[in-house]
């Protein structure tokens, strides 16, 4: 048996590992080089002193370094993260060939298409769909300044990469009709009031991310405008995706496969929580295999019925679609974006085979898609609610938060009353407990807030730099004590997050 000294040594070593691991993924570590910066203190040494009796060696000026007069970042101030890459999602687009130019070029699909006017129209529709505040617009030069806009970053988990601070940006459309092409560029203008000026690297990083979002939107509009015969039968087979993982392959174009999956997944008992056609992503919820209800426990003498489960535990799963021309691959991933077992892919394939005959109902498309006005497509994006200072902040507009606020407040133990566009009245009453509540194990227990007086309270939505803040006061407008407010608003935020 190890003695106390050995135990203490192991404990100390484990504690040291925890501290080291907790500090290895900070924001500073990601942007700084992983070596020391002693070179910044280096100084030129004097030439060799030659004694009088010896001949002085000959020095060559061939390798003499010029004196640098420019001022720039040095040492820790140098950001070593790779720059954001411009993504040309649409098939008729390409990024600029210049390293210092943040622009995306679109080619006309015919010699008669006014590509510059069409891209300018699509850009204005994109700004309206996302409700970007417009500071100024010039129709002649095709430029528009928007802001403040907080650009978010897609990651496996929202907390991995926080949204960029609110900034002002300028969109510009350069029309080169003689070459039958038009370019869209994004430049950083200034930070929102109260925010610090980001570095030059971050300015371009944020602008490129915003341009990529427009690129994804243009791709969605283009796909919706491309006529696809939705009446062709869906043909599925087991195959591989582009990375070699086991996948379901549809012998159908991307647009038809997408519309079919959106239609049949809820019918197959796989409710959709999030979808993005431009990213080829569908997130659905699976209740798990062999779920047993309370009534099943009471009828234990009955045999358990066979189910066509997916050999997966309960949780969120992803379908990643890839356009392969005349066919589309569909990869099943878990919520951390990792492939699942081959058995689950095969079971999903068997389940979807039963829905290949389902007709896809889509809106009638314009007769001439090439000249049709782009239609705004609002993708389903989950709401993320996170703590920012003393506030709980949702990364979306107040109108969207208000749609889910009554349900969240009810789950937090309040009785919802009247509401307006930015506030909600609710009544709190201390829940009573009895023996029947203890027996009703399937019934959720209402939250209890010790120290919170019974009565009316007001939940208010306030504009915030990163979205919409949720605050709570009593009927007179006085703030609720911080400890109680923190607990209650945490419950409300949990009810809205991910919606």
Protein backbone atom coordinates (compact mmCIF):
# COMPACT_ATOMS: atom_id res chain seq x y z
CA UNK A 1 0.00 0.00 0.00
CA UNK A 2 1.44 3.45 -0.90
CA UNK A 3 2.33 5.65 2.03
CA UNK A 4 0.89 9.16 2.65
CA UNK A 5 3.89 10.81 0.99
CA UNK A 6 3.30 8.85 -2.23
CA UNK A 7 -0.41 9.72 -2.12
CA UNK A 8 0.40 13.39 -1.77
CA UNK A 9 2.82 13.18 -4.70
CA UNK A 10 0.19 11.58 -6.95
CA UNK A 11 -2.42 14.13 -5.88
CA UNK A 12 -0.04 17.02 -6.55
CA UNK A 13 0.83 15.62 -9.98
CA UNK A 14 -2.87 15.18 -10.86
CA UNK A 15 -3.67 18.71 -9.74
CA UNK A 16 -0.81 20.04 -11.87
CA UNK A 17 -2.19 18.18 -14.92
CA UNK A 18 -5.62 19.72 -14.40
CA UNK A 19 -4.17 23.23 -14.35
CA UNK A 20 -2.05 22.57 -17.43
CA UNK A 21 -4.93 21.11 -19.44
CA UNK A 22 -7.33 23.85 -18.43
CA UNK A 23 -4.96 26.48 -19.76
CA UNK A 24 -4.03 24.92 -23.10
CA UNK A 25 -6.99 26.07 -25.18
CA UNK A 26 -7.40 29.71 -24.26
CA UNK A 27 -7.99 32.45 -26.82
CA UNK A 28 -4.47 33.80 -26.24
CA UNK A 29 -2.90 30.39 -26.92
CA UNK A 30 -4.75 30.03 -30.21
CA UNK A 31 -3.50 33.36 -31.52
CA UNK A 32 0.07 33.33 -30.12
CA UNK A 33 3.08 31.26 -31.17
CA UNK A 34 3.96 28.41 -28.81
CA UNK A 35 7.61 29.40 -28.28
CA UNK A 36 9.23 32.19 -26.30
CA UNK A 37 9.74 35.72 -27.62
CA UNK A 38 13.33 36.29 -26.48
CA UNK A 39 14.29 37.30 -30.00
CA UNK A 40 12.49 40.63 -29.53
CA UNK A 41 15.17 41.65 -27.00
CA UNK A 42 18.11 40.62 -29.22
CA UNK A 43 20.69 43.30 -30.00
CA UNK A 44 23.40 43.60 -32.65
CA UNK A 45 26.84 42.82 -31.33
CA UNK A 46 29.89 44.99 -32.11
CA UNK A 47 32.40 43.75 -34.65
CA UNK A 48 35.40 41.75 -33.58
CA UNK A 49 38.15 43.91 -32.05
CA UNK A 50 41.45 43.18 -33.79
CA UNK A 51 44.73 43.65 -31.86
CA UNK A 52 47.21 46.06 -33.41
CA UNK A 53 49.70 43.35 -34.42
CA UNK A 54 47.10 41.35 -36.40
CA UNK A 55 45.50 42.13 -39.74
CA UNK A 56 41.82 43.02 -39.60
CA UNK A 57 39.64 40.44 -41.43
CA UNK A 58 37.78 41.46 -44.57
CA UNK A 59 34.03 41.90 -44.14
CA UNK A 60 31.57 41.45 -46.99
CA UNK A 61 28.52 43.69 -47.36
CA UNK A 62 26.66 41.18 -49.54
CA UNK A 63 24.62 39.82 -46.66
CA UNK A 64 24.06 43.05 -44.79
CA UNK A 65 20.41 43.40 -43.77
CA UNK A 66 18.66 46.66 -44.66
CA UNK A 67 17.43 48.86 -41.84
CA UNK A 68 13.67 48.27 -41.35
CA UNK A 69 11.69 51.46 -40.75
CA UNK A 70 8.14 50.04 -40.88
CA UNK A 71 6.23 49.58 -37.64
CA UNK A 72 4.19 46.42 -37.19
CA UNK A 73 3.19 43.76 -34.66
CA UNK A 74 6.06 41.94 -32.96
CA UNK A 75 6.18 38.92 -30.64
CA UNK A 76 2.93 38.26 -28.83
CA UNK A 77 1.13 40.86 -30.96
CA UNK A 78 1.55 38.68 -34.09
CA UNK A 79 -1.63 36.67 -34.70
CA UNK A 80 -0.59 33.22 -35.98
CA UNK A 81 -4.10 31.91 -36.66
CA UNK A 82 -4.77 31.10 -40.33
CA UNK A 83 -6.84 33.72 -42.17
CA UNK A 84 -10.48 33.04 -42.99
CA UNK A 85 -10.88 31.44 -46.42
CA UNK A 86 -13.45 32.80 -48.87
CA UNK A 87 -15.91 30.00 -49.64
CA UNK A 88 -17.48 29.95 -53.13
CA UNK A 89 -20.63 27.94 -52.35
CA UNK A 90 -22.58 28.86 -55.50
CA UNK A 91 -21.56 26.97 -58.64
CA UNK A 92 -21.10 30.15 -60.74
CA UNK A 93 -18.90 31.92 -58.17
CA UNK A 94 -15.17 32.09 -57.44
CA UNK A 95 -13.09 33.92 -54.81
CA UNK A 96 -10.82 36.81 -55.74
CA UNK A 97 -7.29 35.84 -56.76
CA UNK A 98 -5.78 38.72 -54.78
CA UNK A 99 -4.56 38.04 -51.25
CA UNK A 100 -5.55 41.53 -50.07
CA UNK A 101 -9.03 41.58 -51.63
CA UNK A 102 -12.06 40.19 -49.77
CA UNK A 103 -14.43 39.63 -52.69
CA UNK A 104 -16.44 36.94 -54.42
CA UNK A 105 -17.12 36.98 -58.16
CA UNK A 106 -20.25 35.66 -59.88
CA UNK A 107 -20.41 34.78 -63.60
CA UNK A 108 -23.53 35.41 -65.69
CA UNK A 109 -25.40 32.32 -66.85
CA UNK A 110 -26.20 33.91 -70.22
CA UNK A 111 -24.87 36.79 -72.32
CA UNK A 112 -28.10 38.72 -71.74
CA UNK A 113 -28.24 38.37 -67.93
CA UNK A 114 -27.66 41.68 -66.06
CA UNK A 115 -25.48 39.95 -63.49
CA UNK A 116 -24.56 43.16 -61.63
CA UNK A 117 -28.21 44.15 -61.10
CA UNK A 118 -29.16 40.60 -60.09
CA UNK A 119 -26.37 40.35 -57.49
CA UNK A 120 -27.22 43.83 -56.13
CA UNK A 121 -30.87 42.75 -55.78
CA UNK A 122 -29.88 39.48 -54.07
CA UNK A 123 -27.57 41.40 -51.69
CA UNK A 124 -30.36 43.78 -50.65
CA UNK A 125 -32.72 40.84 -50.10
CA UNK A 126 -30.08 39.12 -47.95
CA UNK A 127 -29.69 42.26 -45.81
CA UNK A 128 -33.48 42.53 -45.36
CA UNK A 129 -33.88 38.83 -44.49
CA UNK A 130 -31.22 39.10 -41.76
CA UNK A 131 -32.58 42.46 -40.53
CA UNK A 132 -29.21 44.20 -40.74
CA UNK A 133 -29.53 47.91 -39.83
CA UNK A 134 -28.71 49.99 -42.95
CA UNK A 135 -26.61 53.11 -42.26
CA UNK A 136 -26.35 54.33 -45.86
CA UNK A 137 -26.99 53.06 -49.38
CA UNK A 138 -25.91 54.27 -52.83
CA UNK A 139 -27.83 52.71 -55.72
CA UNK A 140 -25.54 54.24 -58.37
CA UNK A 141 -22.27 52.86 -56.94
CA UNK A 142 -24.02 49.75 -55.54
CA UNK A 143 -22.62 50.17 -52.02
CA UNK A 144 -24.35 49.80 -48.67
CA UNK A 145 -23.05 50.20 -45.11
CA UNK A 146 -24.70 48.07 -42.40
CA UNK A 147 -24.27 47.81 -38.68
CA UNK A 148 -23.80 47.18 -35.97
CA UNK A 149 -23.69 43.49 -36.98
CA UNK A 150 -22.34 40.67 -34.79
CA UNK A 151 -20.88 37.93 -37.00
CA UNK A 152 -21.16 34.47 -35.47
CA UNK A 153 -18.84 31.54 -36.18
CA UNK A 154 -20.05 28.01 -36.90
CA UNK A 155 -18.47 25.34 -34.74
CA UNK A 156 -19.35 21.92 -33.38
CA UNK A 157 -20.41 23.64 -30.17
CA UNK A 158 -21.53 27.30 -30.03
CA UNK A 159 -19.34 28.05 -27.03
CA UNK A 160 -16.17 26.96 -28.87
CA UNK A 161 -15.89 30.19 -30.88
CA UNK A 162 -17.83 33.19 -29.49
CA UNK A 163 -19.47 35.65 -31.91
CA UNK A 164 -17.41 38.59 -33.12
CA UNK A 165 -18.11 41.96 -31.44
CA UNK A 166 -20.67 44.15 -33.18
CA UNK A 167 -19.08 46.05 -36.10
CA UNK A 168 -20.00 48.16 -39.13
CA UNK A 169 -19.32 46.77 -42.63
CA UNK A 170 -19.60 47.98 -46.21
CA UNK A 171 -20.92 45.73 -48.99
CA UNK A 172 -19.92 46.71 -52.54
CA UNK A 173 -20.96 45.25 -55.89
CA UNK A 174 -18.51 45.79 -58.76
CA UNK A 175 -20.29 45.37 -62.10
CA UNK A 176 -18.11 44.28 -65.02
CA UNK A 177 -20.85 43.76 -67.59
CA UNK A 178 -18.38 43.63 -70.49
CA UNK A 179 -16.89 40.49 -68.92
CA UNK A 180 -20.35 39.20 -67.87
CA UNK A 181 -19.40 39.04 -64.20
CA UNK A 182 -19.95 40.95 -60.96
CA UNK A 183 -18.03 40.93 -57.68
CA UNK A 184 -19.25 41.34 -54.10
CA UNK A 185 -16.78 42.61 -51.52
CA UNK A 186 -17.04 43.28 -47.78
CA UNK A 187 -14.86 45.77 -45.91
CA UNK A 188 -14.70 46.49 -42.22
CA UNK A 189 -15.70 50.11 -41.44
CA UNK A 190 -15.62 50.67 -37.69
CA UNK A 191 -16.58 49.03 -34.38
CA UNK A 192 -19.90 49.58 -32.64
CA UNK A 193 -20.00 52.31 -30.04
CA UNK A 194 -18.19 51.19 -26.91
CA UNK A 195 -16.26 48.37 -28.62
CA UNK A 196 -12.51 48.34 -29.11
CA UNK A 197 -10.97 48.60 -32.58
CA UNK A 198 -10.02 45.05 -33.66
CA UNK A 199 -6.64 44.24 -35.17
CA UNK A 200 -6.13 44.33 -38.94
CA UNK A 201 -6.16 40.53 -38.98
CA UNK A 202 -9.49 40.42 -37.14
CA UNK A 203 -11.02 43.09 -39.39
CA UNK A 204 -10.39 40.96 -42.47
CA UNK A 205 -11.37 37.79 -40.59
CA UNK A 206 -14.76 39.24 -39.64
CA UNK A 207 -15.38 40.68 -43.13
CA UNK A 208 -14.57 37.35 -44.81
CA UNK A 209 -16.92 35.49 -42.47
CA UNK A 210 -19.74 37.89 -43.39
CA UNK A 211 -18.99 37.44 -47.10
CA UNK A 212 -19.13 33.65 -46.65
CA UNK A 213 -22.58 33.98 -45.13
CA UNK A 214 -23.78 35.85 -48.21
CA UNK A 215 -22.13 33.18 -50.37
CA UNK A 216 -24.15 30.47 -48.58
CA UNK A 217 -27.32 32.51 -49.04
CA UNK A 218 -26.65 32.99 -52.79
CA UNK A 219 -26.15 29.24 -53.14
CA UNK A 220 -29.52 28.58 -51.45
CA UNK A 221 -31.29 31.03 -53.78
CA UNK A 222 -29.62 29.44 -56.80
CA UNK A 223 -30.64 25.94 -55.78
CA UNK A 224 -34.25 27.00 -55.25
CA UNK A 225 -34.28 28.68 -58.66
CA UNK A 226 -32.91 25.61 -60.46
CA UNK A 227 -35.82 23.54 -61.86
CA UNK A 228 -35.72 19.97 -60.56
CA UNK A 229 -38.17 17.23 -61.46
CA UNK A 230 -39.55 16.33 -58.04
CA UNK A 231 -41.73 13.57 -59.51
CA UNK A 232 -38.81 11.22 -60.16
CA UNK A 233 -38.84 8.28 -57.72
CA UNK A 234 -36.31 8.34 -54.88
CA UNK A 235 -33.74 5.55 -55.26
CA UNK A 236 -31.60 4.71 -52.22
CA UNK A 237 -28.61 2.43 -51.84
CA UNK A 238 -25.84 1.89 -49.30
CA UNK A 239 -22.48 3.32 -50.29
CA UNK A 240 -19.77 5.70 -49.09
CA UNK A 241 -19.42 9.45 -48.77
CA UNK A 242 -16.45 11.45 -50.07
CA UNK A 243 -14.39 10.63 -46.96
CA UNK A 244 -14.96 6.86 -47.28
CA UNK A 245 -17.46 6.54 -44.40
CA UNK A 246 -20.55 4.35 -44.72
CA UNK A 247 -23.40 6.47 -46.06
CA UNK A 248 -26.79 6.37 -47.74
CA UNK A 249 -26.60 7.37 -51.41
CA UNK A 250 -29.65 8.70 -53.27
CA UNK A 251 -29.63 8.33 -57.03
CA UNK A 252 -31.29 11.75 -57.22
CA UNK A 253 -30.11 15.39 -57.46
CA UNK A 254 -29.32 17.34 -54.31
CA UNK A 255 -32.40 19.60 -54.37
CA UNK A 256 -34.84 16.67 -54.73
CA UNK A 257 -33.10 14.60 -52.04
CA UNK A 258 -33.14 17.57 -49.66
CA UNK A 259 -36.87 18.27 -50.12
CA UNK A 260 -37.67 14.58 -49.76
CA UNK A 261 -35.75 14.23 -46.47
CA UNK A 262 -37.35 17.38 -45.04
CA UNK A 263 -40.75 15.86 -45.89
CA UNK A 264 -40.30 12.25 -44.71
CA UNK A 265 -38.10 12.52 -41.60
CA UNK A 266 -40.96 13.79 -39.35
CA UNK A 267 -43.20 11.08 -40.79
CA UNK A 268 -40.57 8.51 -39.84
CA UNK A 269 -40.61 9.69 -36.22
CA UNK A 270 -37.43 11.77 -36.50
CA UNK A 271 -38.49 15.38 -35.78
CA UNK A 272 -36.24 18.04 -37.33
CA UNK A 273 -34.70 20.57 -34.94
CA UNK A 274 -32.48 22.50 -37.38
CA UNK A 275 -31.83 22.60 -41.11
CA UNK A 276 -29.61 24.53 -43.51
CA UNK A 277 -29.88 23.70 -47.20
CA UNK A 278 -26.79 25.73 -48.14
CA UNK A 279 -24.70 23.72 -45.66
CA UNK A 280 -26.45 20.43 -46.45
CA UNK A 281 -27.22 19.93 -42.75
CA UNK A 282 -30.31 18.44 -41.07
CA UNK A 283 -30.37 18.00 -37.28
CA UNK A 284 -33.05 15.68 -35.89
CA UNK A 285 -33.92 14.28 -32.47
CA UNK A 286 -34.06 10.56 -31.79
CA UNK A 287 -35.90 9.28 -28.71
CA UNK A 288 -33.74 6.17 -28.40
CA UNK A 289 -34.36 2.45 -28.85
CA UNK A 290 -36.83 0.40 -26.80
CA UNK A 291 -38.28 3.36 -24.89
CA UNK A 292 -40.65 2.07 -22.18
CA UNK A 293 -43.51 4.22 -20.90
CA UNK A 294 -45.21 4.15 -17.53
CA UNK A 295 -48.17 2.18 -18.87
CA UNK A 296 -45.76 -0.45 -20.20
CA UNK A 297 -44.46 -0.98 -16.67
CA UNK A 298 -47.99 -1.64 -15.39
CA UNK A 299 -48.58 -4.24 -18.13
CA UNK A 300 -45.37 -6.14 -17.51
CA UNK A 301 -47.00 -9.46 -18.44
CA UNK A 302 -47.35 -8.38 -22.08
CA UNK A 303 -44.50 -9.26 -24.45
CA UNK A 304 -42.33 -6.36 -25.62
CA UNK A 305 -43.10 -5.48 -29.22
CA UNK A 306 -40.26 -5.45 -31.73
CA UNK A 307 -39.28 -1.96 -32.89
CA UNK A 308 -37.36 -0.75 -35.93
CA UNK A 309 -34.92 1.30 -33.88
CA UNK A 310 -31.67 2.78 -35.14
CA UNK A 311 -29.36 1.20 -32.51
CA UNK A 312 -28.74 4.70 -31.16
CA UNK A 313 -29.17 6.28 -27.76
CA UNK A 314 -31.48 9.25 -27.23
CA UNK A 315 -30.16 12.59 -28.43
CA UNK A 316 -29.52 14.83 -31.40
CA UNK A 317 -28.07 13.49 -34.65
CA UNK A 318 -27.02 15.06 -37.94
CA UNK A 319 -27.53 14.21 -41.58
CA UNK A 320 -24.80 15.72 -43.76
CA UNK A 321 -25.71 15.89 -47.45
CA UNK A 322 -23.14 16.19 -50.26
CA UNK A 323 -23.97 17.13 -53.85
CA UNK A 324 -22.39 14.63 -56.27
CA UNK A 325 -24.10 15.79 -59.45
CA UNK A 326 -26.75 13.24 -60.38
CA UNK A 327 -26.63 11.65 -56.92
CA UNK A 328 -26.48 12.76 -53.29
CA UNK A 329 -24.68 11.15 -50.35
CA UNK A 330 -26.25 11.30 -46.87
CA UNK A 331 -23.94 10.71 -43.88
CA UNK A 332 -25.31 10.03 -40.39
CA UNK A 333 -23.30 11.75 -37.61
CA UNK A 334 -23.71 12.20 -33.88
CA UNK A 335 -24.09 15.62 -32.25
CA UNK A 336 -20.29 16.01 -32.02
CA UNK A 337 -20.05 15.59 -35.81
CA UNK A 338 -18.52 12.09 -35.66
CA UNK A 339 -19.74 9.11 -37.75
CA UNK A 340 -21.97 6.58 -35.97
CA UNK A 341 -21.69 2.80 -36.15
CA UNK A 342 -22.35 1.14 -39.51
CA UNK A 343 -25.31 -0.72 -37.94
CA UNK A 344 -27.12 2.59 -37.32
CA UNK A 345 -26.57 3.70 -40.93
CA UNK A 346 -27.98 0.41 -42.21
CA UNK A 347 -31.03 0.68 -39.95
CA UNK A 348 -31.72 4.25 -41.04
CA UNK A 349 -31.44 3.09 -44.64
CA UNK A 350 -34.03 0.36 -44.00
CA UNK A 351 -36.36 2.84 -42.29
CA UNK A 352 -36.14 5.41 -45.11
CA UNK A 353 -36.75 2.71 -47.74
CA UNK A 354 -40.34 2.63 -46.52
CA UNK A 355 -40.83 6.29 -47.53
CA UNK A 356 -39.31 6.36 -51.02
CA UNK A 357 -42.80 6.53 -52.52
CA UNK A 358 -43.75 9.73 -50.66
CA UNK A 359 -44.43 12.64 -53.04
CA UNK A 360 -42.59 15.86 -52.32
CA UNK A 361 -44.87 18.90 -52.28
CA UNK A 362 -43.04 22.07 -53.27
CA UNK A 363 -44.22 25.51 -54.33
CA UNK A 364 -44.66 26.05 -58.08
CA UNK A 365 -41.52 27.64 -59.47
CA UNK A 366 -41.25 30.50 -61.90
CA UNK A 367 -41.38 29.60 -65.59
CA UNK A 368 -38.11 31.36 -66.32
CA UNK A 369 -35.81 30.76 -63.36
CA UNK A 370 -32.88 32.60 -64.94
CA UNK A 371 -34.70 35.97 -64.87
CA UNK A 372 -36.82 35.39 -61.76
CA UNK A 373 -36.33 37.66 -58.74
CA UNK A 374 -34.45 35.82 -55.97
CA UNK A 375 -36.75 34.66 -53.19
CA UNK A 376 -35.67 35.21 -49.60
CA UNK A 377 -34.96 31.92 -47.87
CA UNK A 378 -34.94 32.01 -44.06
CA UNK A 379 -32.98 29.04 -42.73
CA UNK A 380 -33.92 27.48 -39.41
CA UNK A 381 -31.21 28.53 -36.97
CA UNK A 382 -31.21 27.54 -33.30
CA UNK A 383 -31.23 30.26 -30.65
CA UNK A 384 -28.18 30.35 -28.41
CA UNK A 385 -28.56 31.99 -24.99
CA UNK A 386 -25.39 32.71 -23.06
CA UNK A 387 -24.27 34.75 -20.08
CA UNK A 388 -22.83 38.17 -20.94
CA UNK A 389 -21.87 40.16 -17.85
CA UNK A 390 -24.95 40.33 -15.63
CA UNK A 391 -27.37 39.49 -18.46
CA UNK A 392 -28.62 36.39 -20.21
CA UNK A 393 -28.41 37.24 -23.93
CA UNK A 394 -30.06 35.45 -26.88
CA UNK A 395 -28.29 35.80 -30.23
CA UNK A 396 -31.43 36.79 -32.14
CA UNK A 397 -34.05 39.53 -32.43
CA UNK A 398 -36.60 40.24 -29.68
CA UNK A 399 -39.48 39.16 -31.92
CA UNK A 400 -37.96 35.68 -32.22
CA UNK A 401 -37.25 35.42 -28.49
CA UNK A 402 -40.83 36.45 -27.67
CA UNK A 403 -42.18 33.47 -29.63
CA UNK A 404 -40.54 31.09 -27.13
CA UNK A 405 -40.59 33.22 -23.97
CA UNK A 406 -44.11 32.25 -22.72
CA UNK A 407 -43.31 28.52 -22.85
CA UNK A 408 -39.94 29.04 -21.13
CA UNK A 409 -41.45 31.20 -18.37
CA UNK A 410 -44.17 28.59 -17.80
CA UNK A 411 -41.56 25.82 -17.44
CA UNK A 412 -39.75 28.05 -14.94
CA UNK A 413 -42.79 27.86 -12.62
CA UNK A 414 -44.78 31.00 -13.52
CA UNK A 415 -48.33 31.52 -14.82
CA UNK A 416 -48.15 33.61 -17.99
CA UNK A 417 -50.43 36.62 -18.31
CA UNK A 418 -50.53 39.50 -20.80
CA UNK A 419 -47.65 40.32 -23.13
CA UNK A 420 -46.45 42.93 -25.60
CA UNK A 421 -43.73 42.99 -28.25
CA UNK A 422 -40.95 43.28 -25.65
CA UNK A 423 -42.40 42.31 -22.24
CA UNK A 424 -44.33 39.51 -20.57
CA UNK A 425 -46.34 39.62 -17.33
CA UNK A 426 -46.32 36.46 -15.20
CA UNK A 427 -47.53 35.45 -11.74
CA UNK A 428 -45.54 33.37 -9.28
CA UNK A 429 -47.24 31.25 -6.65
CA UNK A 430 -45.33 28.96 -4.30
CA UNK A 431 -46.16 25.40 -5.47
CA UNK A 432 -47.95 23.19 -2.95
CA UNK A 433 -46.65 19.70 -2.28
CA UNK A 434 -48.61 16.62 -1.26
CA UNK A 435 -48.33 12.85 -1.24
CA UNK A 436 -49.80 12.58 -4.74
CA UNK A 437 -46.95 14.64 -6.17
CA UNK A 438 -44.50 12.14 -4.73
CA UNK A 439 -46.36 9.22 -6.34
CA UNK A 440 -46.68 10.95 -9.73
CA UNK A 441 -43.05 10.29 -10.69
CA UNK A 442 -43.78 11.00 -14.38
CA UNK A 443 -44.99 14.52 -13.58
CA UNK A 444 -42.27 17.23 -13.54
CA UNK A 445 -41.85 19.01 -10.20
CA UNK A 446 -42.50 22.76 -10.36
CA UNK A 447 -39.45 24.86 -9.42
CA UNK A 448 -39.47 26.46 -5.97
CA UNK A 449 -37.74 29.79 -5.36
CA UNK A 450 -37.17 30.29 -1.64
CA UNK A 451 -37.32 33.99 -0.80
CA UNK A 452 -39.34 34.99 -3.88
CA UNK A 453 -42.61 36.63 -2.85
CA UNK A 454 -45.80 35.48 -4.53
CA UNK A 455 -47.18 38.00 -6.98
CA UNK A 456 -46.73 39.52 -10.43
CA UNK A 457 -43.39 39.83 -12.22
CA UNK A 458 -42.33 41.28 -15.57
CA UNK A 459 -39.90 39.69 -18.02
CA UNK A 460 -38.51 42.33 -20.39
CA UNK A 461 -36.52 41.99 -23.63
CA UNK A 462 -33.83 44.66 -24.02
CA UNK A 463 -31.61 45.26 -27.12
CA UNK A 464 -28.03 44.11 -26.59
CA UNK A 465 -24.85 44.31 -28.67
CA UNK A 466 -24.92 40.53 -29.13
CA UNK A 467 -28.68 40.15 -29.57
CA UNK A 468 -31.47 40.45 -26.99
CA UNK A 469 -31.05 40.51 -23.19
CA UNK A 470 -33.72 38.99 -20.89
CA UNK A 471 -34.33 40.84 -17.63
CA UNK A 472 -36.75 40.45 -14.73
CA UNK A 473 -38.42 42.95 -12.39
CA UNK A 474 -41.34 42.95 -9.96
CA UNK A 475 -44.68 44.62 -10.74
CA UNK A 476 -43.35 48.04 -9.67
CA UNK A 477 -40.33 47.80 -11.96
CA UNK A 478 -37.84 47.17 -9.16
CA UNK A 479 -35.16 44.56 -9.95
CA UNK A 480 -35.39 41.13 -8.33
CA UNK A 481 -32.50 40.28 -5.95
CA UNK A 482 -29.49 39.16 -7.98
CA UNK A 483 -29.28 35.61 -6.57
CA UNK A 484 -32.96 34.89 -7.29
CA UNK A 485 -32.88 36.62 -10.66
CA UNK A 486 -29.82 34.60 -11.68
CA UNK A 487 -31.54 31.31 -10.87
CA UNK A 488 -34.89 32.18 -12.49
CA UNK A 489 -33.43 33.67 -15.66
CA UNK A 490 -31.11 30.67 -15.92
CA UNK A 491 -34.21 28.45 -16.02
CA UNK A 492 -35.83 30.71 -18.66
CA UNK A 493 -32.64 30.78 -20.75
CA UNK A 494 -32.46 26.98 -20.71
CA UNK A 495 -36.03 26.85 -22.03
CA UNK A 496 -35.17 29.11 -24.98
CA UNK A 497 -31.66 27.87 -25.84
CA UNK A 498 -31.59 25.61 -28.87
CA UNK A 499 -35.08 26.54 -30.09
